[in-house]
Amino acid sequence: MSRLQKRTFGALGLVVAIAALLTGVFVAGPGAPRPIREISLEARSAAFNGDNPTIEAKAGETLRLVVRNADPGVRHEIAVPALGTGTHEVDSGEQVVLEVPLDQPGTYEYVCPRHGARMKGKIVVR
């Protein structure tokens, strides 16, 4: 390979690397921090946010569920049983934070174990 060809390939490689960085083509390695998205849920009247919303998420991100108990005199909890996550009791007027790493696509149920028949929703991971 001639000196001119080496310089041309080197310059071309540099241009491709800069373009990839600018467009976000490079994928973060295993040591890169996982994106965290915060979702606020209010526990009130045996439901989260009134209607137990379906939460959409992407595989590889972490959901930070911030659950505030707005039910006077009632304790609540939050868990995602299929992912082995859960919290302690949340007294009225207090809040708890649950971080849920989402590694695999699928549909997962989040629930208040104390009131599971009515207090449950879905996390859909794509």
Protein backbone atom coordinates (compact mmCIF):
# COMPACT_ATOMS: atom_id res chain seq x y z
CA MET A 1 0.00 0.00 0.00
CA SER A 2 1.44 3.34 -0.99
CA ARG A 3 1.93 6.24 1.39
CA LEU A 4 -0.89 8.15 -0.34
CA GLN A 5 -3.31 5.23 0.09
CA LYS A 6 -2.43 4.96 3.81
CA ARG A 7 -3.10 8.68 4.32
CA THR A 8 -6.38 8.43 2.40
CA PHE A 9 -7.58 5.47 4.47
CA GLY A 10 -6.47 7.17 7.69
CA ALA A 11 -8.32 10.38 6.82
CA LEU A 12 -11.39 8.41 5.73
CA GLY A 13 -11.36 6.49 9.04
CA LEU A 14 -11.17 9.75 10.97
CA VAL A 15 -14.11 11.22 9.04
CA VAL A 16 -16.20 8.07 9.66
CA ALA A 17 -15.36 8.11 13.40
CA ILE A 18 -16.32 11.79 13.74
CA ALA A 19 -19.56 11.24 11.82
CA ALA A 20 -20.42 8.26 14.03
CA LEU A 21 -19.82 10.26 17.18
CA LEU A 22 -21.94 13.14 15.93
CA THR A 23 -24.84 10.86 14.99
CA GLY A 24 -24.64 8.62 18.05
CA VAL A 25 -23.84 5.44 16.13
CA PHE A 26 -21.38 4.07 18.69
CA VAL A 27 -23.05 1.84 21.25
CA ALA A 28 -22.07 2.31 24.88
CA GLY A 29 -20.00 -0.50 26.32
CA PRO A 30 -20.75 -2.52 29.46
CA GLY A 31 -19.14 0.07 31.74
CA ALA A 32 -21.37 2.89 30.45
CA PRO A 33 -24.07 4.17 32.80
CA ARG A 34 -27.56 2.89 32.11
CA PRO A 35 -30.14 5.59 31.26
CA ILE A 36 -32.54 6.28 34.15
CA ARG A 37 -36.06 7.58 33.63
CA GLU A 38 -38.12 8.74 36.58
CA ILE A 39 -41.84 7.96 36.77
CA SER A 40 -44.03 9.41 39.55
CA LEU A 41 -46.90 7.31 40.83
CA GLU A 42 -49.42 8.38 43.45
CA ALA A 43 -51.10 5.66 45.51
CA ARG A 44 -54.65 6.76 46.26
CA SER A 45 -58.03 5.03 46.50
CA ALA A 46 -56.60 1.58 45.69
CA ALA A 47 -55.01 2.70 42.41
CA PHE A 48 -51.78 4.21 41.10
CA ASN A 49 -52.42 7.60 39.43
CA GLY A 50 -56.14 6.88 39.39
CA ASP A 51 -56.07 4.27 36.62
CA ASN A 52 -52.90 2.14 37.05
CA PRO A 53 -51.23 3.42 33.86
CA THR A 54 -49.25 1.26 31.46
CA ILE A 55 -45.63 2.41 31.48
CA GLU A 56 -43.69 2.15 28.20
CA ALA A 57 -39.91 1.57 28.46
CA LYS A 58 -36.88 0.52 26.44
CA ALA A 59 -34.73 -2.53 27.16
CA GLY A 60 -31.49 -1.40 28.76
CA GLU A 61 -32.91 1.51 30.71
CA THR A 62 -33.72 1.75 34.40
CA LEU A 63 -37.05 3.05 35.63
CA ARG A 64 -36.96 5.01 38.86
CA LEU A 65 -40.47 4.65 40.27
CA VAL A 66 -41.21 7.34 42.83
CA VAL A 67 -44.32 6.28 44.71
CA ARG A 68 -46.09 8.74 47.00
CA ASN A 69 -48.80 7.48 49.32
CA ALA A 70 -51.70 9.95 49.30
CA ASP A 71 -54.14 7.70 51.17
CA PRO A 72 -54.73 8.93 54.75
CA GLY A 73 -54.30 6.08 57.22
CA VAL A 74 -53.53 3.43 54.58
CA ARG A 75 -50.17 1.75 53.91
CA HIS A 76 -49.06 0.83 50.41
CA GLU A 77 -46.13 -0.93 48.76
CA ILE A 78 -44.71 -1.23 45.25
CA ALA A 79 -43.16 -4.31 43.65
CA VAL A 80 -42.34 -5.75 40.25
CA PRO A 81 -42.50 -9.45 41.20
CA ALA A 82 -41.26 -10.89 37.89
CA LEU A 83 -38.07 -8.83 38.24
CA GLY A 84 -37.60 -9.56 41.95
CA THR A 85 -37.89 -5.94 43.05
CA GLY A 86 -39.92 -4.49 45.88
CA THR A 87 -39.96 -2.01 48.72
CA HIS A 88 -40.98 -1.67 52.31
CA GLU A 89 -44.26 -0.21 53.41
CA VAL A 90 -45.05 3.38 52.49
CA ASP A 91 -46.99 5.24 55.14
CA SER A 92 -49.51 7.93 54.26
CA GLY A 93 -47.84 11.17 53.19
CA GLU A 94 -44.49 9.48 52.56
CA GLN A 95 -42.78 8.31 49.39
CA VAL A 96 -40.45 5.53 48.35
CA VAL A 97 -38.14 5.14 45.37
CA LEU A 98 -37.81 1.85 43.52
CA GLU A 99 -35.22 1.48 40.75
CA VAL A 100 -36.12 -1.20 38.22
CA PRO A 101 -33.43 -2.26 35.71
CA LEU A 102 -35.07 -3.41 32.49
CA ASP A 103 -32.75 -5.76 30.63
CA GLN A 104 -35.16 -7.82 28.52
CA PRO A 105 -38.18 -6.90 26.38
CA GLY A 106 -41.47 -8.11 27.78
CA THR A 107 -44.49 -7.12 29.84
CA TYR A 108 -44.06 -6.91 33.60
CA GLU A 109 -46.64 -6.19 36.27
CA TYR A 110 -46.10 -3.58 38.95
CA VAL A 111 -48.30 -4.01 41.98
CA CYS A 112 -49.08 -2.98 45.54
CA PRO A 113 -48.89 -6.41 47.24
CA ARG A 114 -51.33 -5.24 49.96
CA HIS A 115 -54.03 -4.29 47.44
CA GLY A 116 -53.00 -6.38 44.43
CA ALA A 117 -56.48 -7.14 43.16
CA ARG A 118 -57.01 -3.45 42.26
CA MET A 119 -53.57 -1.80 42.44
CA LYS A 120 -51.61 -3.16 39.51
CA GLY A 121 -50.40 -1.94 36.16
CA LYS A 122 -48.06 -2.97 33.37
CA ILE A 123 -44.55 -2.03 32.32
CA VAL A 124 -44.11 -2.80 28.61
CA VAL A 125 -40.44 -3.07 27.63
CA ARG A 126 -39.55 -2.99 23.92
